[in-house]
Protein backbone atom coordinates (compact mmCIF):
# COMPACT_ATOMS: atom_id res chain seq x y z
CA MET A 1 94.75 92.08 122.95
CA SER A 2 98.27 94.52 124.94
CA MET A 3 100.75 92.54 126.71
CA ALA A 4 99.64 93.50 130.25
CA THR A 5 96.09 92.07 129.24
CA LYS A 6 97.35 89.10 128.46
CA VAL A 7 99.37 88.97 131.69
CA THR A 8 96.46 89.74 133.82
CA ILE A 9 95.01 87.02 131.92
CA PHE A 10 97.60 84.27 133.17
CA LYS A 11 98.08 85.75 136.58
CA SER A 12 94.08 84.01 136.73
CA LEU A 13 94.58 81.40 135.47
CA ILE A 14 97.22 81.05 137.79
CA TYR A 15 94.92 81.06 140.76
CA VAL A 16 92.70 79.04 139.44
CA VAL A 17 94.81 76.55 138.92
CA ILE A 18 95.97 76.63 141.94
CA TYR A 19 91.93 76.16 143.57
CA TYR A 20 91.77 73.21 141.15
CA ILE A 21 94.54 71.40 141.63
CA SER A 22 94.08 71.23 144.88
CA LYS A 23 91.30 69.54 144.58
CA LYS A 24 92.62 66.91 142.51
CA SER A 25 89.88 67.14 140.12
CA LYS A 26 91.08 65.06 136.49
CA VAL A 27 88.36 67.03 134.80
CA MET A 28 89.25 70.27 135.58
CA ARG A 29 92.91 69.84 135.42
CA ILE A 30 92.30 68.82 131.38
CA LEU A 31 90.31 71.82 131.19
CA PHE A 32 93.49 74.00 132.64
CA ALA A 33 95.85 72.83 129.67
CA ILE A 34 93.36 73.17 126.97
CA VAL A 35 93.26 77.06 128.29
CA CYS A 36 96.66 77.64 128.80
CA CYS A 37 97.12 75.82 125.14
CA ALA A 38 94.78 77.98 124.02
CA PHE A 39 96.41 81.54 125.90
CA LEU A 40 99.87 80.31 124.81
CA MET A 41 98.47 80.16 121.05
CA SER A 42 97.13 83.53 121.54
CA CYS A 43 100.58 85.03 122.63
CA GLY A 44 102.54 83.96 119.14
CA SER A 45 102.46 87.80 118.16
CA ASP A 46 103.71 91.03 118.42
CA ASP A 47 100.40 93.99 118.59
CA ASN A 48 104.35 96.07 118.10
CA GLU A 49 105.50 94.01 115.82
CA VAL A 50 107.50 95.67 112.86
CA MET A 51 106.25 96.18 109.64
CA GLU A 52 109.45 95.17 106.47
CA PRO A 53 109.62 98.10 104.02
CA GLU A 54 107.99 98.47 100.85
CA VAL A 55 110.64 97.56 98.15
CA VAL A 56 110.40 101.03 96.07
CA VAL A 57 111.33 99.38 91.78
CA CYS A 58 112.85 102.84 90.32
CA PRO A 59 112.90 102.71 86.58
CA GLU A 60 116.06 102.32 84.86
CA ILE A 61 115.83 103.62 81.67
CA ALA A 62 115.88 107.59 80.69
CA LEU A 63 112.41 109.59 80.79
CA PRO A 64 111.79 112.13 78.24
CA GLY A 65 110.36 115.57 79.47
CA PHE A 66 108.25 115.14 76.69
CA GLU A 67 106.18 113.30 74.75
CA ILE A 68 104.03 115.64 71.99
CA ARG A 69 101.58 114.33 69.56
CA VAL A 70 100.79 116.57 66.49
CA ALA A 71 97.39 115.65 63.98
CA ASN A 72 96.32 117.09 61.10
CA ALA A 73 93.39 120.10 62.16
CA THR A 74 90.92 118.58 59.72
CA ASN A 75 90.97 115.21 59.80
CA GLY A 76 92.91 114.00 62.64
CA THR A 77 95.30 111.93 61.39
CA PRO A 78 98.77 111.89 63.02
CA LEU A 79 101.60 114.10 61.53
CA SER A 80 105.09 112.65 60.71
CA ASN A 81 108.06 114.59 59.35
CA VAL A 82 107.35 117.29 61.97
CA THR A 83 110.21 119.52 63.46
CA ILE A 84 109.52 120.06 67.62
CA THR A 85 112.02 122.45 68.95
CA ALA A 86 112.67 122.42 72.68
CA ARG A 87 114.15 126.21 73.63
CA GLU A 88 115.44 127.12 77.26
CA GLY A 89 116.15 130.65 76.46
CA ASN A 90 119.27 131.22 74.94
CA VAL A 91 121.18 127.77 76.76
CA PHE A 92 120.12 124.87 75.77
CA GLU A 93 117.68 123.44 72.46
CA GLU A 94 117.13 120.65 71.57
CA VAL A 95 114.84 119.11 68.01
CA LEU A 96 112.31 116.45 69.29
CA MET A 97 112.54 112.70 67.70
CA GLU A 98 109.29 110.86 66.00
CA VAL A 99 108.91 107.85 68.04
CA SER A 100 109.20 105.19 65.04
CA ALA A 101 106.49 102.75 67.08
CA THR A 102 104.60 105.53 66.90
CA PRO A 103 103.73 107.61 64.03
CA GLY A 104 102.78 111.85 64.82
CA THR A 105 104.16 111.03 68.64
CA TYR A 106 107.26 112.74 69.22
CA GLN A 107 109.78 112.82 72.59
CA GLY A 108 112.58 114.74 73.50
CA VAL A 109 114.25 117.05 77.02
CA PHE A 110 115.36 113.06 78.47
CA GLU A 111 115.76 113.89 81.96
CA ARG A 112 116.43 117.27 82.19
CA GLU A 113 114.32 120.09 83.91
CA GLY A 114 113.40 123.33 83.02
CA SER A 115 110.87 125.57 81.07
CA TYR A 116 110.57 125.05 77.68
CA ALA A 117 109.02 126.95 74.54
CA LEU A 118 108.47 124.67 71.69
CA ILE A 119 107.82 125.01 68.13
CA ILE A 120 106.22 122.67 66.52
CA GLU A 121 106.37 122.91 62.56
CA LEU A 122 105.68 121.25 59.12
CA GLU A 123 106.01 122.46 55.72
CA GLY A 124 102.32 123.72 54.30
CA PHE A 125 101.01 123.89 57.52
CA GLN A 126 100.28 126.82 60.55
CA THR A 127 104.05 127.04 62.92
CA VAL A 128 102.71 126.48 66.91
CA VAL A 129 104.88 128.68 69.16
CA THR A 130 104.07 127.74 72.73
CA ASP A 131 104.82 129.75 76.24
CA ALA A 132 107.06 128.20 79.10
CA ILE A 133 106.14 124.85 80.21
CA THR A 134 108.33 123.63 82.90
CA VAL A 135 108.93 119.66 82.67
CA GLY A 136 109.58 119.19 86.82
CA ARG A 137 110.36 115.91 88.90
CA LEU A 138 107.54 114.37 91.29
CA ASP A 139 107.57 113.96 94.22
CA ASP A 140 108.21 110.16 94.55
CA GLU A 141 111.30 108.34 96.01
CA CYS A 142 113.50 107.94 92.85
CA ASP A 143 113.07 111.85 92.00
CA THR A 144 111.16 110.69 88.59
CA LEU A 145 110.90 113.29 85.87
CA ASP A 146 107.47 114.60 85.12
CA THR A 147 106.47 114.03 81.54
CA GLN A 148 104.64 116.60 80.17
CA ASP A 149 102.15 114.92 78.02
CA LEU A 150 101.24 117.25 75.16
CA SER A 151 98.72 117.33 71.82
CA PHE A 152 98.90 119.48 68.98
CA SER A 153 96.53 119.86 66.07
CA LEU A 154 98.37 121.58 62.70
CA SER A 155 96.32 123.35 60.17
CA GLU A 156 96.39 123.63 56.92
CA LEU A 157 97.76 126.69 55.27
């Protein structure tokens, strides 16, 4: 209910009070008191109340630019000891590390945007070289790195 509506209702109640008080009816005075209490309770909140802003909690850990799973193309088993090199032109090169808790999963290029070619190598398996894969940032309040979640299957030679 808008404030203007509440004021109009309140004015109407005042006119009713003046009329009934002049009649000195006890029942009407009690009824009026009940109506006034109800009206005052409805005025308890403001329609234009400002909402508290949502609290944003940003991660306090470094996020990988790549999380890559490598499996055997023949049987689907995860492959360990794979060398994955992320190369950004002639400017930057990093070898991704295998995640110890998850065999066949590799992470790297932490908190670094760019376009990277990946070279995936394991002795006895085909070598995979990718075109440039871009690692950017999410459009969020934390400016979070957009981790590229990729999977590759290597065929045996």
